[in-house]
Amino acid sequence: MERATLRLILSTAILVVFCTYIFIEIGRNPSTVVYVTGTPTGHVVSLQYRDCFDLDTGATIPYDLSVGGCPGNTWDMSLDNNDLLPPNTSLWISPGNQTQIAFSNDSFEQVDLSTVQSLNFSNTFPDIPFVQIAIMQTATGQYYKVQLVSETRNKNRATIQWEQVR
């Protein structure tokens, strides 16, 4: 065989192997991963990673690179990317206000005021994957439950459902 034919065969084989690898990776790590089956029962919001969220008002506060975070101290939480373990979304609470957090193994629908009374709240939070229902007490004293609904890894976004605990 001629050298040109061998190069063509080798290049084609390399391309096939590379494309196969890409398709396997896409199948293993899809861009959007959904964690809640069915229709979410709470309020739903999609947040860009690092943007902040005020649970009392439902307002999104955009991340401001010039201040290295979200301006002001009225926000309660933000989401960020944690590539260590799935889910890749981690939850952070505001260091600037009095937001406190606890976690529950109950379902989103089951969390109520009796659940809240049995939890130990803290104002510190480690960077861990967001897998449980988070219950937050805001600076206004209100309790909210928050759950990760989905994450879109290639867009650095996550969708949560949230609702005031009654």
C-alpha atoms as a PDB file:
ATOM      1  CA  MET A   1       0.000   0.000   0.000  1.00  0.00           C
ATOM      2  CA  GLU A   2       1.063   3.513  -0.588  1.00  0.00           C
ATOM      3  CA  ARG A   3       2.024   5.837   2.242  1.00  0.00           C
ATOM      4  CA  ALA A   4      -0.864   8.209   1.476  1.00  0.00           C
ATOM      5  CA  THR A   5      -3.382   5.358   1.757  1.00  0.00           C
ATOM      6  CA  LEU A   6      -1.890   4.200   5.069  1.00  0.00           C
ATOM      7  CA  ARG A   7      -2.026   7.762   6.424  1.00  0.00           C
ATOM      8  CA  LEU A   8      -5.665   8.052   5.384  1.00  0.00           C
ATOM      9  CA  ILE A   9      -6.574   4.754   7.065  1.00  0.00           C
ATOM     10  CA  LEU A  10      -4.678   5.724  10.242  1.00  0.00           C
ATOM     11  CA  SER A  11      -6.256   9.202  10.347  1.00  0.00           C
ATOM     12  CA  THR A  12      -9.718   7.720   9.884  1.00  0.00           C
ATOM     13  CA  ALA A  13      -9.128   5.186  12.681  1.00  0.00           C
ATOM     14  CA  ILE A  14      -7.956   7.935  15.051  1.00  0.00           C
ATOM     15  CA  LEU A  15     -10.992  10.053  14.175  1.00  0.00           C
ATOM     16  CA  VAL A  16     -13.357   7.121  14.816  1.00  0.00           C
ATOM     17  CA  VAL A  17     -11.751   6.416  18.208  1.00  0.00           C
ATOM     18  CA  PHE A  18     -11.914  10.098  19.181  1.00  0.00           C
ATOM     19  CA  CYS A  19     -15.596  10.455  18.148  1.00  0.00           C
ATOM     20  CA  THR A  20     -16.486   7.251  20.004  1.00  0.00           C
ATOM     21  CA  TYR A  21     -14.811   8.618  23.146  1.00  0.00           C
ATOM     22  CA  ILE A  22     -16.724  11.921  22.854  1.00  0.00           C
ATOM     23  CA  PHE A  23     -20.081  10.170  22.445  1.00  0.00           C
ATOM     24  CA  ILE A  24     -19.368   7.910  25.439  1.00  0.00           C
ATOM     25  CA  GLU A  25     -18.471  10.945  27.584  1.00  0.00           C
ATOM     26  CA  ILE A  26     -21.591  12.829  26.514  1.00  0.00           C
ATOM     27  CA  GLY A  27     -23.687   9.800  27.465  1.00  0.00           C
ATOM     28  CA  ARG A  28     -21.970   9.527  30.828  1.00  0.00           C
ATOM     29  CA  ASN A  29     -22.033  13.216  31.636  1.00  0.00           C
ATOM     30  CA  PRO A  30     -25.068  14.839  29.981  1.00  0.00           C
ATOM     31  CA  SER A  31     -25.254  18.590  30.095  1.00  0.00           C
ATOM     32  CA  THR A  32     -28.555  18.694  32.018  1.00  0.00           C
ATOM     33  CA  VAL A  33     -29.188  16.348  34.921  1.00  0.00           C
ATOM     34  CA  VAL A  34     -32.612  16.277  36.585  1.00  0.00           C
ATOM     35  CA  TYR A  35     -32.878  15.297  40.261  1.00  0.00           C
ATOM     36  CA  VAL A  36     -36.611  15.771  40.903  1.00  0.00           C
ATOM     37  CA  THR A  37     -39.024  13.477  39.128  1.00  0.00           C
ATOM     38  CA  GLY A  38     -42.396  14.898  38.239  1.00  0.00           C
ATOM     39  CA  THR A  39     -43.414  18.513  38.497  1.00  0.00           C
ATOM     40  CA  PRO A  40     -41.834  20.541  41.323  1.00  0.00           C
ATOM     41  CA  THR A  41     -44.413  21.628  43.907  1.00  0.00           C
ATOM     42  CA  GLY A  42     -42.603  24.756  45.121  1.00  0.00           C
ATOM     43  CA  HIS A  43     -41.569  27.996  43.443  1.00  0.00           C
ATOM     44  CA  VAL A  44     -38.975  27.312  40.753  1.00  0.00           C
ATOM     45  CA  VAL A  45     -36.022  29.515  39.803  1.00  0.00           C
ATOM     46  CA  SER A  46     -32.989  28.921  37.602  1.00  0.00           C
ATOM     47  CA  LEU A  47     -29.796  30.560  38.840  1.00  0.00           C
ATOM     48  CA  GLN A  48     -26.461  31.133  37.176  1.00  0.00           C
ATOM     49  CA  TYR A  49     -23.675  29.770  39.404  1.00  0.00           C
ATOM     50  CA  ARG A  50     -22.462  32.471  41.814  1.00  0.00           C
ATOM     51  CA  ASP A  51     -25.596  34.604  41.446  1.00  0.00           C
ATOM     52  CA  CYS A  52     -27.297  35.101  44.790  1.00  0.00           C
ATOM     53  CA  PHE A  53     -30.905  34.659  45.827  1.00  0.00           C
ATOM     54  CA  ASP A  54     -33.088  36.338  48.449  1.00  0.00           C
ATOM     55  CA  LEU A  55     -35.650  33.843  49.737  1.00  0.00           C
ATOM     56  CA  ASP A  56     -37.858  36.489  51.394  1.00  0.00           C
ATOM     57  CA  THR A  57     -38.402  38.455  48.179  1.00  0.00           C
ATOM     58  CA  GLY A  58     -37.650  35.859  45.492  1.00  0.00           C
ATOM     59  CA  ALA A  59     -35.102  38.252  43.961  1.00  0.00           C
ATOM     60  CA  THR A  60     -31.963  37.178  42.133  1.00  0.00           C
ATOM     61  CA  ILE A  61     -28.895  39.325  42.819  1.00  0.00           C
ATOM     62  CA  PRO A  62     -26.288  39.023  40.023  1.00  0.00           C
ATOM     63  CA  TYR A  63     -22.715  38.183  40.953  1.00  0.00           C
ATOM     64  CA  ASP A  64     -20.531  41.285  40.711  1.00  0.00           C
ATOM     65  CA  LEU A  65     -16.940  40.586  39.720  1.00  0.00           C
ATOM     66  CA  SER A  66     -15.825  44.069  40.870  1.00  0.00           C
ATOM     67  CA  VAL A  67     -16.767  43.280  44.491  1.00  0.00           C
ATOM     68  CA  GLY A  68     -15.949  39.566  44.289  1.00  0.00           C
ATOM     69  CA  GLY A  69     -19.463  38.487  45.186  1.00  0.00           C
ATOM     70  CA  CYS A  70     -22.994  39.722  45.408  1.00  0.00           C
ATOM     71  CA  PRO A  71     -23.474  43.309  46.523  1.00  0.00           C
ATOM     72  CA  GLY A  72     -25.234  44.053  49.780  1.00  0.00           C
ATOM     73  CA  ASN A  73     -26.223  41.649  52.493  1.00  0.00           C
ATOM     74  CA  THR A  74     -29.896  41.052  51.764  1.00  0.00           C
ATOM     75  CA  TRP A  75     -29.348  37.773  49.917  1.00  0.00           C
ATOM     76  CA  ASP A  76     -29.598  34.402  51.638  1.00  0.00           C
ATOM     77  CA  MET A  77     -27.962  31.844  49.367  1.00  0.00           C
ATOM     78  CA  SER A  78     -26.009  31.202  46.201  1.00  0.00           C
ATOM     79  CA  LEU A  79     -25.105  28.170  44.130  1.00  0.00           C
ATOM     80  CA  ASP A  80     -21.709  27.246  42.794  1.00  0.00           C
ATOM     81  CA  ASN A  81     -20.015  24.489  40.853  1.00  0.00           C
ATOM     82  CA  ASN A  82     -18.358  21.621  42.710  1.00  0.00           C
ATOM     83  CA  ASP A  83     -16.842  19.194  40.211  1.00  0.00           C
ATOM     84  CA  LEU A  84     -15.820  16.677  42.854  1.00  0.00           C
ATOM     85  CA  LEU A  85     -19.004  14.636  43.252  1.00  0.00           C
ATOM     86  CA  PRO A  86     -22.416  14.633  41.609  1.00  0.00           C
ATOM     87  CA  PRO A  87     -24.497  16.607  41.906  1.00  0.00           C
ATOM     88  CA  ASN A  88     -22.013  19.260  40.862  1.00  0.00           C
ATOM     89  CA  THR A  89     -24.025  22.072  42.426  1.00  0.00           C
ATOM     90  CA  SER A  90     -23.066  23.213  45.907  1.00  0.00           C
ATOM     91  CA  LEU A  91     -25.107  25.529  48.101  1.00  0.00           C
ATOM     92  CA  TRP A  92     -23.674  28.498  50.001  1.00  0.00           C
ATOM     93  CA  ILE A  93     -25.329  30.750  52.565  1.00  0.00           C
ATOM     94  CA  SER A  94     -24.708  34.464  52.885  1.00  0.00           C
ATOM     95  CA  PRO A  95     -21.851  35.292  55.242  1.00  0.00           C
ATOM     96  CA  GLY A  96     -23.098  38.870  55.578  1.00  0.00           C
ATOM     97  CA  ASN A  97     -26.483  38.359  57.175  1.00  0.00           C
ATOM     98  CA  GLN A  98     -28.007  36.062  59.748  1.00  0.00           C
ATOM     99  CA  THR A  99     -29.079  33.207  57.457  1.00  0.00           C
ATOM    100  CA  GLN A 100     -28.839  29.811  59.118  1.00  0.00           C
ATOM    101  CA  ILE A 101     -29.081  26.384  57.526  1.00  0.00           C
ATOM    102  CA  ALA A 102     -29.961  22.805  58.407  1.00  0.00           C
ATOM    103  CA  PHE A 103     -30.691  19.711  56.341  1.00  0.00           C
ATOM    104  CA  SER A 104     -33.503  17.181  56.320  1.00  0.00           C
ATOM    105  CA  ASN A 105     -33.775  13.696  54.877  1.00  0.00           C
ATOM    106  CA  ASP A 106     -37.541  14.205  54.478  1.00  0.00           C
ATOM    107  CA  SER A 107     -39.000  14.822  51.047  1.00  0.00           C
ATOM    108  CA  PHE A 108     -39.625  18.400  49.959  1.00  0.00           C
ATOM    109  CA  GLU A 109     -43.374  17.970  50.447  1.00  0.00           C
ATOM    110  CA  GLN A 110     -42.981  16.479  53.954  1.00  0.00           C
ATOM    111  CA  VAL A 111     -40.905  19.312  55.440  1.00  0.00           C
ATOM    112  CA  ASP A 112     -43.093  21.425  57.725  1.00  0.00           C
ATOM    113  CA  LEU A 113     -42.740  23.387  60.977  1.00  0.00           C
ATOM    114  CA  SER A 114     -42.504  20.172  63.032  1.00  0.00           C
ATOM    115  CA  THR A 115     -39.477  19.194  60.913  1.00  0.00           C
ATOM    116  CA  VAL A 116     -37.890  22.595  61.497  1.00  0.00           C
ATOM    117  CA  GLN A 117     -38.250  22.261  65.285  1.00  0.00           C
ATOM    118  CA  SER A 118     -36.242  19.027  65.272  1.00  0.00           C
ATOM    119  CA  LEU A 119     -33.241  20.424  63.368  1.00  0.00           C
ATOM    120  CA  ASN A 120     -30.006  22.073  64.511  1.00  0.00           C
ATOM    121  CA  PHE A 121     -29.282  25.214  62.513  1.00  0.00           C
ATOM    122  CA  SER A 122     -25.841  26.643  61.809  1.00  0.00           C
ATOM    123  CA  ASN A 123     -24.520  29.774  60.133  1.00  0.00           C
ATOM    124  CA  THR A 124     -21.545  27.926  58.648  1.00  0.00           C
ATOM    125  CA  PHE A 125     -21.733  25.634  55.678  1.00  0.00           C
ATOM    126  CA  PRO A 126     -19.116  23.388  54.098  1.00  0.00           C
ATOM    127  CA  ASP A 127     -18.762  23.108  50.323  1.00  0.00           C
ATOM    128  CA  ILE A 128     -20.530  19.781  49.796  1.00  0.00           C
ATOM    129  CA  PRO A 129     -22.816  18.495  47.041  1.00  0.00           C
ATOM    130  CA  PHE A 130     -26.416  19.688  47.365  1.00  0.00           C
ATOM    131  CA  VAL A 131     -28.237  16.358  47.867  1.00  0.00           C
ATOM    132  CA  GLN A 132     -30.632  16.890  50.789  1.00  0.00           C
ATOM    133  CA  ILE A 133     -33.469  19.298  51.428  1.00  0.00           C
ATOM    134  CA  ALA A 134     -31.953  22.485  52.842  1.00  0.00           C
ATOM    135  CA  ILE A 135     -33.978  24.414  55.390  1.00  0.00           C
ATOM    136  CA  MET A 136     -32.902  28.016  55.874  1.00  0.00           C
ATOM    137  CA  GLN A 137     -33.875  30.572  58.450  1.00  0.00           C
ATOM    138  CA  THR A 138     -33.460  34.045  56.962  1.00  0.00           C
ATOM    139  CA  ALA A 139     -32.544  37.250  58.780  1.00  0.00           C
ATOM    140  CA  THR A 140     -36.279  38.055  58.952  1.00  0.00           C
ATOM    141  CA  GLY A 141     -36.888  34.845  60.944  1.00  0.00           C
ATOM    142  CA  GLN A 142     -38.785  33.044  58.176  1.00  0.00           C
ATOM    143  CA  TYR A 143     -38.047  29.403  57.320  1.00  0.00           C
ATOM    144  CA  TYR A 144     -37.695  28.180  53.728  1.00  0.00           C
ATOM    145  CA  LYS A 145     -37.064  24.761  52.248  1.00  0.00           C
ATOM    146  CA  VAL A 146     -34.854  24.510  49.159  1.00  0.00           C
ATOM    147  CA  GLN A 147     -34.201  21.569  46.834  1.00  0.00           C
ATOM    148  CA  LEU A 148     -32.000  21.123  43.791  1.00  0.00           C
ATOM    149  CA  VAL A 149     -34.244  20.298  40.807  1.00  0.00           C
ATOM    150  CA  SER A 150     -31.674  20.151  38.005  1.00  0.00           C
ATOM    151  CA  GLU A 151     -28.297  21.401  36.883  1.00  0.00           C
ATOM    152  CA  THR A 152     -27.096  22.339  33.422  1.00  0.00           C
ATOM    153  CA  ARG A 153     -23.361  21.826  33.595  1.00  0.00           C
ATOM    154  CA  ASN A 154     -22.398  23.299  30.246  1.00  0.00           C
ATOM    155  CA  LYS A 155     -24.305  26.512  31.088  1.00  0.00           C
ATOM    156  CA  ASN A 156     -23.171  26.780  34.761  1.00  0.00           C
ATOM    157  CA  ARG A 157     -26.783  26.958  35.922  1.00  0.00           C
ATOM    158  CA  ALA A 158     -28.930  25.110  38.395  1.00  0.00           C
ATOM    159  CA  THR A 159     -32.659  25.100  39.018  1.00  0.00           C
ATOM    160  CA  ILE A 160     -34.052  24.944  42.534  1.00  0.00           C
ATOM    161  CA  GLN A 161     -37.482  24.767  44.042  1.00  0.00           C
ATOM    162  CA  TRP A 162     -38.148  26.695  47.216  1.00  0.00           C
ATOM    163  CA  GLU A 163     -41.071  27.417  49.477  1.00  0.00           C
ATOM    164  CA  GLN A 164     -41.750  28.986  52.834  1.00  0.00           C
ATOM    165  CA  VAL A 165     -42.177  26.378  55.575  1.00  0.00           C
ATOM    166  CA  ARG A 166     -45.565  26.582  57.255  1.00  0.00           C
END
